[in-house]
C-alpha atoms as a PDB file:
ATOM      1  CA  UNK A   1    -132.201  76.630   4.639  1.00  0.00           C
ATOM      2  CA  UNK A   2    -129.201  74.800   5.579  1.00  0.00           C
ATOM      3  CA  UNK A   3    -127.798  72.794   2.691  1.00  0.00           C
ATOM      4  CA  UNK A   4    -124.812  71.284   4.385  1.00  0.00           C
ATOM      5  CA  UNK A   5    -123.997  69.426   7.642  1.00  0.00           C
ATOM      6  CA  UNK A   6    -120.920  68.123   9.453  1.00  0.00           C
ATOM      7  CA  UNK A   7    -121.306  64.923   7.748  1.00  0.00           C
ATOM      8  CA  UNK A   8    -121.271  66.408   4.024  1.00  0.00           C
ATOM      9  CA  UNK A   9    -123.851  67.905   1.828  1.00  0.00           C
ATOM     10  CA  UNK A  10    -127.449  66.950   2.370  1.00  0.00           C
ATOM     11  CA  UNK A  11    -129.775  66.484  -0.607  1.00  0.00           C
ATOM     12  CA  UNK A  12    -132.301  69.265  -1.272  1.00  0.00           C
ATOM     13  CA  UNK A  13    -135.492  67.129  -0.904  1.00  0.00           C
ATOM     14  CA  UNK A  14    -134.324  65.555   2.472  1.00  0.00           C
ATOM     15  CA  UNK A  15    -133.406  68.899   3.902  1.00  0.00           C
ATOM     16  CA  UNK A  16    -136.612  70.535   2.682  1.00  0.00           C
ATOM     17  CA  UNK A  17    -138.773  67.707   4.152  1.00  0.00           C
ATOM     18  CA  UNK A  18    -136.972  67.730   7.563  1.00  0.00           C
ATOM     19  CA  UNK A  19    -136.786  71.471   8.060  1.00  0.00           C
ATOM     20  CA  UNK A  20    -140.049  72.705   6.287  1.00  0.00           C
ATOM     21  CA  UNK A  21    -142.416  69.821   6.258  1.00  0.00           C
ATOM     22  CA  UNK A  22    -145.266  72.033   4.655  1.00  0.00           C
ATOM     23  CA  UNK A  23    -143.184  73.258   1.826  1.00  0.00           C
ATOM     24  CA  UNK A  24    -143.405  71.330  -1.385  1.00  0.00           C
ATOM     25  CA  UNK A  25    -141.101  70.785  -4.481  1.00  0.00           C
ATOM     26  CA  UNK A  26    -141.990  72.593  -7.686  1.00  0.00           C
ATOM     27  CA  UNK A  27    -139.448  71.083 -10.142  1.00  0.00           C
ATOM     28  CA  UNK A  28    -136.288  72.673 -11.495  1.00  0.00           C
ATOM     29  CA  UNK A  29    -134.734  72.615  -8.122  1.00  0.00           C
ATOM     30  CA  UNK A  30    -137.421  74.980  -6.670  1.00  0.00           C
ATOM     31  CA  UNK A  31    -139.245  74.798  -3.477  1.00  0.00           C
ATOM     32  CA  UNK A  32    -142.871  76.575  -2.663  1.00  0.00           C
ATOM     33  CA  UNK A  33    -143.125  77.807   0.850  1.00  0.00           C
ATOM     34  CA  UNK A  34    -146.632  78.641   2.035  1.00  0.00           C
ATOM     35  CA  UNK A  35    -146.397  81.785   4.224  1.00  0.00           C
ATOM     36  CA  UNK A  36    -148.834  83.562   6.486  1.00  0.00           C
ATOM     37  CA  UNK A  37    -151.367  80.801   7.012  1.00  0.00           C
ATOM     38  CA  UNK A  38    -151.198  79.779   3.329  1.00  0.00           C
ATOM     39  CA  UNK A  39    -152.342  83.311   2.186  1.00  0.00           C
ATOM     40  CA  UNK A  40    -148.932  83.859   0.448  1.00  0.00           C
ATOM     41  CA  UNK A  41    -146.455  81.855  -1.530  1.00  0.00           C
ATOM     42  CA  UNK A  42    -142.577  82.153  -1.773  1.00  0.00           C
ATOM     43  CA  UNK A  43    -140.668  80.170  -4.644  1.00  0.00           C
ATOM     44  CA  UNK A  44    -137.093  79.878  -4.121  1.00  0.00           C
ATOM     45  CA  UNK A  45    -134.700  78.007  -6.473  1.00  0.00           C
ATOM     46  CA  UNK A  46    -131.754  76.409  -4.767  1.00  0.00           C
ATOM     47  CA  UNK A  47    -128.177  75.647  -5.972  1.00  0.00           C
ATOM     48  CA  UNK A  48    -126.801  72.981  -3.883  1.00  0.00           C
ATOM     49  CA  UNK A  49    -123.385  73.423  -5.658  1.00  0.00           C
ATOM     50  CA  UNK A  50    -123.221  77.049  -4.539  1.00  0.00           C
ATOM     51  CA  UNK A  51    -125.070  76.620  -1.387  1.00  0.00           C
ATOM     52  CA  UNK A  52    -127.375  79.366  -2.383  1.00  0.00           C
ATOM     53  CA  UNK A  53    -131.121  80.135  -2.666  1.00  0.00           C
ATOM     54  CA  UNK A  54    -132.638  82.593  -5.032  1.00  0.00           C
ATOM     55  CA  UNK A  55    -136.091  84.216  -4.742  1.00  0.00           C
ATOM     56  CA  UNK A  56    -138.047  83.598  -7.997  1.00  0.00           C
ATOM     57  CA  UNK A  57    -141.462  84.605  -6.803  1.00  0.00           C
ATOM     58  CA  UNK A  58    -143.191  86.189  -3.822  1.00  0.00           C
ATOM     59  CA  UNK A  59    -147.043  86.844  -4.029  1.00  0.00           C
ATOM     60  CA  UNK A  60    -150.608  85.861  -2.846  1.00  0.00           C
ATOM     61  CA  UNK A  61    -152.108  82.625  -3.375  1.00  0.00           C
ATOM     62  CA  UNK A  62    -154.145  84.217  -6.200  1.00  0.00           C
ATOM     63  CA  UNK A  63    -151.136  85.521  -7.989  1.00  0.00           C
ATOM     64  CA  UNK A  64    -149.428  82.114  -7.525  1.00  0.00           C
ATOM     65  CA  UNK A  65    -152.369  80.200  -9.163  1.00  0.00           C
ATOM     66  CA  UNK A  66    -151.596  82.404 -12.464  1.00  0.00           C
ATOM     67  CA  UNK A  67    -147.915  81.284 -12.680  1.00  0.00           C
ATOM     68  CA  UNK A  68    -145.748  78.241 -13.474  1.00  0.00           C
ATOM     69  CA  UNK A  69    -143.672  77.606 -10.340  1.00  0.00           C
ATOM     70  CA  UNK A  70    -141.141  75.756 -12.204  1.00  0.00           C
ATOM     71  CA  UNK A  71    -140.336  78.398 -14.718  1.00  0.00           C
ATOM     72  CA  UNK A  72    -141.272  81.934 -13.146  1.00  0.00           C
ATOM     73  CA  UNK A  73    -138.318  84.393 -12.797  1.00  0.00           C
ATOM     74  CA  UNK A  74    -137.540  86.920 -10.201  1.00  0.00           C
ATOM     75  CA  UNK A  75    -139.480  89.532 -11.993  1.00  0.00           C
ATOM     76  CA  UNK A  76    -142.696  87.683 -11.603  1.00  0.00           C
ATOM     77  CA  UNK A  77    -142.985  87.116 -15.334  1.00  0.00           C
ATOM     78  CA  UNK A  78    -145.418  84.466 -16.106  1.00  0.00           C
ATOM     79  CA  UNK A  79    -144.295  81.427 -18.136  1.00  0.00           C
ATOM     80  CA  UNK A  80    -146.232  78.425 -19.071  1.00  0.00           C
ATOM     81  CA  UNK A  81    -149.654  79.339 -18.040  1.00  0.00           C
ATOM     82  CA  UNK A  82    -152.219  81.576 -19.720  1.00  0.00           C
ATOM     83  CA  UNK A  83    -153.614  84.379 -17.641  1.00  0.00           C
ATOM     84  CA  UNK A  84    -156.929  83.313 -16.057  1.00  0.00           C
ATOM     85  CA  UNK A  85    -159.764  85.850 -15.576  1.00  0.00           C
ATOM     86  CA  UNK A  86    -162.067  85.343 -12.697  1.00  0.00           C
END
């Protein structure tokens, strides 16, 4: 994801919407990307100040349903949602 341009820094929401229209904001400067036909999810935390993205989670749709996208860390630790049994 490009966070800058010749005209200056571009806001995260505007950049995400223009370049990845199917991605969605998850709060806490995070974006959820639907991958492989919506079977997998990638959560990336972006720092506009550092022009960097940090992978916080990669997993299946089922695994994504068990985590809180705004608080999950790179280890996949679940924060904020109780584990659900199917």
